[in-house]
C-alpha cells in the first residue's frame, strides 16, 4: 500500500479542518475508525469535528469522543470530509450529509463490498476485516498511533471480526492487532466491553428476541423480530440490539440468521448473518448491503412482510 499511503498523504496536505463521520447507528468498527482518525488528525495539526447520530455507551472508554460536534451543522465548514466504514452517501446521517455536499474535498475509506465509491477519493478494500484494519495499513507515520489511537483501532478490528472468529480474519489482521497491543492498550478491557458486557435492557431485549425466535428451513434459517412496543417495554433503544443476530447465527445447525426490528415511520431494519451464504446480495436487492456474511437493509414494510420477503429470498439458497 506504499503508493496509496503517498497519495493519501498528498490529498490531506494543506487541510487544517476536517469533518469525520460514519454510517448511521455506528457499530464498533465505525466508532473505532472515527475516533482513531480524529485523534491522528489532531496529532497532525488538523482540527477534527465528528458527526455521528449516536454513540453506544459501550464505547465510552475510548478517547476521541471529545471531538464530537453537537452544534448546527449548517454552520460547520471544513477543508475535507472523511467518511469511514460507510458503503454509500445515503448511509451518512442527515446532519453529516449536509456538510458532505458542500465540502471541497471528500474522502471515502471503507471495506464494504457494496461500496458505491461516492467520494472524490475512495479507498475501498473489501478483502480486509474492518475499516480499522484498513486504517492501520494506511497510516504513513506510525508515530501517530499512540495508545489511545491504537485502542480505537483495536476496538474496530475486535468488533468486526467478533473477536477474531469471522472468516475475514487473516494473518495480516492478526499482525495488525499484535502491533496495536504493543502500544500497551487495555486489550482485555476492550474485549470485555465490546463483546461481553451488556446492560440490563440489552439482556431483556435478547430474551424477547429469543422468545420470538422462529426455526425455519429445517433449522438452517433462524429468524426473530422485535416491535417498537417490545423495545419500549424493555427500556432499550436501537443500539441495544447489537449482538442479537450474532447470537442467533450461533444456534447449532444454522447457516443464516435474521433479526427484524421496527424503526418507526413504517420502516423495518433487517440484519442478516450467515455461514457460507452471501447475504450482502440478499440485502442489496432491498437497497442495503454489507459483507458476504454480515449485511443489512431497511425496508418500508410491516415486521411480518419484511420477514416473508427475506424468507422467500433465502428459500432455495440454503444448502
Protein backbone atom coordinates (compact mmCIF):
# COMPACT_ATOMS: atom_id res chain seq x y z
CA UNK A 1 0.00 0.00 0.00
CA UNK A 2 3.01 2.32 -0.22
CA UNK A 3 1.68 4.22 -3.26
CA UNK A 4 -1.76 4.53 -1.65
CA UNK A 5 -0.20 5.90 1.54
CA UNK A 6 1.66 8.51 -0.51
CA UNK A 7 -1.49 9.50 -2.41
CA UNK A 8 -3.46 9.82 0.82
CA UNK A 9 -0.76 11.94 2.43
CA UNK A 10 -0.72 14.27 -0.58
CA UNK A 11 -4.53 14.55 -0.60
CA UNK A 12 -4.58 15.58 3.06
CA UNK A 13 -1.81 18.12 2.58
CA UNK A 14 -2.93 21.67 3.29
CA UNK A 15 -6.08 20.63 5.18
CA UNK A 16 -6.48 22.43 8.51
CA UNK A 17 -10.00 21.30 9.40
CA UNK A 18 -11.80 18.01 8.86
CA UNK A 19 -15.28 16.62 9.39
CA UNK A 20 -15.37 12.89 10.13
CA UNK A 21 -18.42 10.66 10.01
CA UNK A 22 -19.60 7.09 9.52
CA UNK A 23 -22.80 5.20 8.82
CA UNK A 24 -25.97 5.72 10.85
CA UNK A 25 -26.28 3.66 14.04
CA UNK A 26 -22.49 3.27 14.22
CA UNK A 27 -21.04 -0.03 15.39
CA UNK A 28 -17.64 -0.79 16.89
CA UNK A 29 -15.74 -0.55 13.62
CA UNK A 30 -17.37 2.78 12.74
CA UNK A 31 -16.77 4.29 16.17
CA UNK A 32 -13.21 2.99 16.35
CA UNK A 33 -12.43 4.32 12.88
CA UNK A 34 -13.93 7.76 13.51
CA UNK A 35 -12.24 8.19 16.89
CA UNK A 36 -8.85 6.97 15.68
CA UNK A 37 -8.87 9.30 12.66
CA UNK A 38 -9.89 12.25 14.84
CA UNK A 39 -7.01 11.54 17.23
CA UNK A 40 -4.46 11.13 14.44
CA UNK A 41 -5.59 14.31 12.69
CA UNK A 42 -5.39 16.28 15.94
CA UNK A 43 -1.87 14.99 16.49
CA UNK A 44 -1.05 16.13 12.93
CA UNK A 45 -2.29 19.68 13.50
CA UNK A 46 -5.67 19.25 11.80
CA UNK A 47 -8.77 20.26 13.80
CA UNK A 48 -11.33 17.40 13.70
CA UNK A 49 -15.10 17.56 14.08
CA UNK A 50 -17.01 14.28 14.46
CA UNK A 51 -20.62 13.94 13.34
CA UNK A 52 -22.41 10.77 14.43
CA UNK A 53 -26.10 10.30 15.14
CA UNK A 54 -25.34 8.24 18.25
CA UNK A 55 -22.50 6.55 20.10
CA UNK A 56 -23.29 3.35 22.03
CA UNK A 57 -22.34 3.58 25.70
CA UNK A 58 -20.10 0.51 25.44
CA UNK A 59 -17.50 2.64 23.60
CA UNK A 60 -17.37 5.38 26.24
CA UNK A 61 -13.96 4.11 27.41
CA UNK A 62 -12.37 5.28 24.15
CA UNK A 63 -10.70 8.65 23.66
CA UNK A 64 -11.84 10.75 20.70
CA UNK A 65 -15.41 11.44 21.69
CA UNK A 66 -14.34 14.90 22.86
CA UNK A 67 -14.30 15.95 19.20
CA UNK A 68 -18.00 15.19 18.71
CA UNK A 69 -19.72 18.20 17.10
CA UNK A 70 -23.13 18.87 18.65
CA UNK A 71 -23.87 22.27 17.11
CA UNK A 72 -25.79 23.27 14.00
CA UNK A 73 -24.05 21.59 11.05
CA UNK A 74 -25.31 24.35 8.75
CA UNK A 75 -22.63 26.46 10.43
CA UNK A 76 -19.89 23.84 10.12
CA UNK A 77 -17.36 24.15 7.30
CA UNK A 78 -14.18 22.15 6.75
CA UNK A 79 -11.38 21.60 4.24
CA UNK A 80 -12.10 17.88 3.94
CA UNK A 81 -14.90 15.45 4.74
CA UNK A 82 -13.77 11.94 5.68
CA UNK A 83 -16.37 9.17 5.51
CA UNK A 84 -15.43 5.96 7.30
CA UNK A 85 -17.00 2.49 7.26
CA UNK A 86 -19.89 3.76 5.13
CA UNK A 87 -20.89 1.98 1.92
CA UNK A 88 -22.85 4.81 0.31
CA UNK A 89 -23.52 8.51 0.81
CA UNK A 90 -27.14 7.91 1.81
CA UNK A 91 -25.95 5.89 4.81
CA UNK A 92 -24.47 9.02 6.37
CA UNK A 93 -26.74 10.67 8.94
CA UNK A 94 -28.66 13.72 7.72
CA UNK A 95 -26.53 16.18 9.73
CA UNK A 96 -23.36 14.82 8.14
CA UNK A 97 -24.82 14.64 4.66
CA UNK A 98 -25.44 18.40 4.61
CA UNK A 99 -21.76 19.03 5.31
CA UNK A 100 -20.54 16.40 2.83
CA UNK A 101 -22.30 18.03 -0.10
CA UNK A 102 -20.58 21.40 0.39
CA UNK A 103 -17.07 20.28 1.41
CA UNK A 104 -14.39 20.87 -1.28
CA UNK A 105 -12.55 17.59 -0.63
CA UNK A 106 -14.25 14.29 0.17
CA UNK A 107 -12.59 11.03 1.17
CA UNK A 108 -14.19 7.59 1.47
CA UNK A 109 -12.36 4.87 3.44
CA UNK A 110 -14.26 1.60 3.76
CA UNK A 111 -14.18 -2.19 3.48
CA UNK A 112 -17.76 -2.99 2.41
CA UNK A 113 -18.06 -4.90 -0.85
CA UNK A 114 -21.22 -2.89 -1.61
CA UNK A 115 -19.41 0.48 -1.50
CA UNK A 116 -20.54 2.89 -4.25
CA UNK A 117 -17.29 4.94 -4.42
CA UNK A 118 -19.21 8.14 -3.71
CA UNK A 119 -16.38 10.49 -2.70
CA UNK A 120 -13.75 12.36 -4.72
CA UNK A 121 -11.12 9.92 -3.47
CA UNK A 122 -12.02 6.37 -2.47
CA UNK A 123 -10.01 3.72 -0.65
CA UNK A 124 -12.18 0.61 -0.52
CA UNK A 125 -10.68 -2.79 0.32
CA UNK A 126 -13.41 -5.44 0.81
CA UNK A 127 -10.80 -8.13 1.42
CA UNK A 128 -9.86 -6.57 4.77
CA UNK A 129 -11.61 -7.48 8.01
CA UNK A 130 -12.58 -3.96 9.02
CA UNK A 131 -12.18 -0.28 8.28
CA UNK A 132 -9.94 -0.06 11.33
CA UNK A 133 -7.59 -2.67 9.87
CA UNK A 134 -7.53 -0.69 6.63
CA UNK A 135 -6.71 2.49 8.54
CA UNK A 136 -3.84 0.74 10.29
CA UNK A 137 -2.34 -0.19 6.92
CA UNK A 138 -2.90 3.32 5.53
CA UNK A 139 -1.10 5.21 8.28
CA UNK A 140 2.14 6.61 6.88
CA UNK A 141 3.56 7.95 10.15
CA UNK A 142 3.44 5.15 12.72
CA UNK A 143 4.23 7.71 15.42
CA UNK A 144 0.65 8.93 15.04
CA UNK A 145 -0.59 5.64 16.51
CA UNK A 146 -0.32 6.28 20.24
CA UNK A 147 -2.03 4.26 22.97
CA UNK A 148 -5.40 6.00 22.57
CA UNK A 149 -5.40 5.68 18.78
CA UNK A 150 -4.30 2.04 18.98
CA UNK A 151 -7.15 1.31 21.42
CA UNK A 152 -9.69 2.74 18.97
CA UNK A 153 -8.27 0.80 16.01
CA UNK A 154 -8.11 -2.44 18.02
CA UNK A 155 -11.74 -1.91 19.08
CA UNK A 156 -12.88 -1.76 15.46
CA UNK A 157 -10.90 -4.84 14.46
CA UNK A 158 -12.13 -6.72 17.52
CA UNK A 159 -15.75 -5.83 16.81
CA UNK A 160 -15.86 -6.60 13.09
CA UNK A 161 -14.08 -9.92 13.47
CA UNK A 162 -16.19 -10.85 16.54
CA UNK A 163 -13.01 -11.44 18.50
CA UNK A 164 -11.09 -12.85 15.51
CA UNK A 165 -13.76 -15.51 14.89
CA UNK A 166 -15.04 -14.41 11.48
CA UNK A 167 -13.60 -15.81 8.27
CA UNK A 168 -12.50 -12.27 7.33
CA UNK A 169 -9.70 -12.61 9.90
CA UNK A 170 -6.38 -13.11 8.09
CA UNK A 171 -2.74 -13.31 9.09
CA UNK A 172 -2.50 -9.59 8.27
CA UNK A 173 -5.42 -8.89 10.61
CA UNK A 174 -3.64 -10.70 13.43
CA UNK A 175 -0.35 -8.92 12.69
CA UNK A 176 -2.10 -5.56 12.85
CA UNK A 177 -3.78 -6.48 16.13
CA UNK A 178 -0.50 -7.72 17.58
CA UNK A 179 1.25 -4.48 16.61
CA UNK A 180 -1.51 -2.45 18.27
CA UNK A 181 -1.15 -4.40 21.53
CA UNK A 182 2.49 -3.29 21.63
CA UNK A 183 1.14 0.19 22.44
CA UNK A 184 0.13 -1.25 25.85
CA UNK A 185 -3.57 -0.95 25.13
CA UNK A 186 -6.07 -2.48 27.60
CA UNK A 187 -6.96 -5.29 25.18
CA UNK A 188 -8.75 -7.39 27.81
CA UNK A 189 -10.90 -4.39 28.79
CA UNK A 190 -11.67 -3.77 25.12
CA UNK A 191 -12.69 -7.40 24.58
CA UNK A 192 -14.97 -7.41 27.60
CA UNK A 193 -16.52 -4.01 26.83
CA UNK A 194 -17.11 -4.72 23.14
CA UNK A 195 -18.12 -8.39 23.15
CA UNK A 196 -19.20 -9.42 26.65
CA UNK A 197 -20.68 -6.59 28.71
CA UNK A 198 -24.31 -5.60 28.26
CA UNK A 199 -26.91 -3.55 30.06
CA UNK A 200 -29.99 -4.94 31.80
CA UNK A 201 -32.06 -3.58 28.89
CA UNK A 202 -29.90 -5.49 26.41
CA UNK A 203 -30.37 -8.69 28.41
CA UNK A 204 -34.15 -8.19 28.46
CA UNK A 205 -34.43 -7.48 24.74
CA UNK A 206 -32.29 -10.53 23.95
CA UNK A 207 -34.79 -12.56 25.98
CA UNK A 208 -37.64 -11.10 23.93
CA UNK A 209 -35.83 -11.91 20.69
CA UNK A 210 -35.24 -15.50 21.81
CA UNK A 211 -38.90 -15.78 22.80
CA UNK A 212 -39.89 -14.62 19.29
CA UNK A 213 -37.42 -16.91 17.53
CA UNK A 214 -38.58 -18.94 14.52
CA UNK A 215 -36.78 -22.08 13.36
CA UNK A 216 -37.14 -22.36 9.58
CA UNK A 217 -35.78 -24.44 6.69
CA UNK A 218 -35.12 -27.41 8.90
CA UNK A 219 -33.19 -25.33 11.41
CA UNK A 220 -30.88 -23.79 8.84
CA UNK A 221 -32.57 -20.37 8.99
CA UNK A 222 -33.19 -18.74 12.37
CA UNK A 223 -35.36 -15.63 12.40
CA UNK A 224 -36.66 -13.28 15.07
CA UNK A 225 -38.47 -9.95 15.18
CA UNK A 226 -38.86 -7.10 17.66
CA UNK A 227 -41.60 -4.50 17.69
CA UNK A 228 -41.18 -0.95 18.95
CA UNK A 229 -43.55 -1.81 21.79
CA UNK A 230 -41.31 -4.68 22.91
CA UNK A 231 -38.25 -2.45 22.80
CA UNK A 232 -40.02 0.23 24.84
CA UNK A 233 -41.16 -2.32 27.43
CA UNK A 234 -37.55 -3.48 27.81
CA UNK A 235 -36.38 0.13 28.07
CA UNK A 236 -33.97 -0.21 25.19
CA UNK A 237 -33.07 1.66 22.02
CA UNK A 238 -31.75 0.53 18.67
CA UNK A 239 -28.16 0.43 19.96
CA UNK A 240 -29.22 -2.23 22.47
CA UNK A 241 -30.00 -4.68 19.65
CA UNK A 242 -26.32 -5.02 18.81
CA UNK A 243 -25.26 -8.64 19.15
CA UNK A 244 -28.68 -10.32 18.97
CA UNK A 245 -28.33 -11.56 15.40
CA UNK A 246 -24.82 -12.77 16.25
CA UNK A 247 -26.41 -14.87 19.00
CA UNK A 248 -28.98 -16.29 16.58
CA UNK A 249 -26.43 -17.37 13.96
CA UNK A 250 -24.70 -19.46 16.63
CA UNK A 251 -27.71 -21.74 17.03
CA UNK A 252 -26.39 -25.20 16.19
CA UNK A 253 -27.13 -26.09 12.56
CA UNK A 254 -27.98 -22.54 11.46
CA UNK A 255 -26.41 -21.17 8.28
CA UNK A 256 -28.45 -17.93 8.13
CA UNK A 257 -29.94 -15.75 10.86
CA UNK A 258 -32.14 -12.69 10.56
CA UNK A 259 -33.29 -10.06 13.03
CA UNK A 260 -36.14 -7.72 12.07
CA UNK A 261 -36.79 -4.62 14.19
CA UNK A 262 -39.30 -1.80 13.82
CA UNK A 263 -37.79 1.66 13.40
CA UNK A 264 -40.86 3.94 13.10
CA UNK A 265 -42.37 5.59 10.02
CA UNK A 266 -43.37 2.14 8.78
CA UNK A 267 -39.75 1.02 8.45
CA UNK A 268 -38.14 -2.25 9.47
CA UNK A 269 -34.40 -2.80 9.88
CA UNK A 270 -33.16 -6.15 8.57
CA UNK A 271 -29.92 -7.61 9.96
CA UNK A 272 -28.61 -10.83 8.44
CA UNK A 273 -25.71 -13.08 9.35
CA UNK A 274 -24.60 -16.24 7.58
CA UNK A 275 -22.16 -19.07 7.31
CA UNK A 276 -21.42 -19.70 3.64
CA UNK A 277 -24.24 -17.68 2.05
CA UNK A 278 -23.68 -14.21 0.55
CA UNK A 279 -26.26 -12.16 2.45
CA UNK A 280 -24.93 -8.88 1.01
CA UNK A 281 -26.64 -9.83 -2.28
CA UNK A 282 -29.90 -10.53 -0.49
CA UNK A 283 -29.80 -7.19 1.33
CA UNK A 284 -28.65 -5.47 -1.86
CA UNK A 285 -31.93 -6.45 -3.50
CA UNK A 286 -33.67 -4.30 -0.88
CA UNK A 287 -31.40 -1.27 -1.11
CA UNK A 288 -28.97 -2.40 1.59
CA UNK A 289 -25.63 -4.13 1.58
CA UNK A 290 -22.65 -5.07 3.69
CA UNK A 291 -20.42 -8.11 3.72
CA UNK A 292 -20.75 -11.67 2.48
CA UNK A 293 -21.53 -12.98 5.97
CA UNK A 294 -23.00 -9.85 7.57
CA UNK A 295 -25.35 -7.40 5.89
CA UNK A 296 -28.40 -5.26 6.47
CA UNK A 297 -31.15 -3.22 4.87
CA UNK A 298 -34.08 -1.02 5.82
CA UNK A 299 -37.43 -1.52 4.12
CA UNK A 300 -40.85 0.09 4.31
CA UNK A 301 -42.99 -2.82 5.44
CA UNK A 302 -44.53 -4.45 8.47
CA UNK A 303 -42.49 -6.92 10.50
CA UNK A 304 -44.35 -9.88 9.04
CA UNK A 305 -43.98 -8.57 5.49
CA UNK A 306 -40.24 -7.99 5.93
CA UNK A 307 -39.77 -11.46 7.39
CA UNK A 308 -41.72 -13.01 4.49
CA UNK A 309 -39.67 -11.12 1.87
CA UNK A 310 -36.37 -12.32 3.28
CA UNK A 311 -37.62 -15.87 3.84
CA UNK A 312 -38.62 -16.02 0.19
CA UNK A 313 -35.17 -14.82 -0.89
CA UNK A 314 -33.40 -17.33 1.36
CA UNK A 315 -35.52 -20.37 0.49
CA UNK A 316 -33.69 -22.42 -2.10
CA UNK A 317 -30.35 -20.73 -1.40
CA UNK A 318 -29.62 -22.56 1.85
CA UNK A 319 -27.74 -25.81 1.47
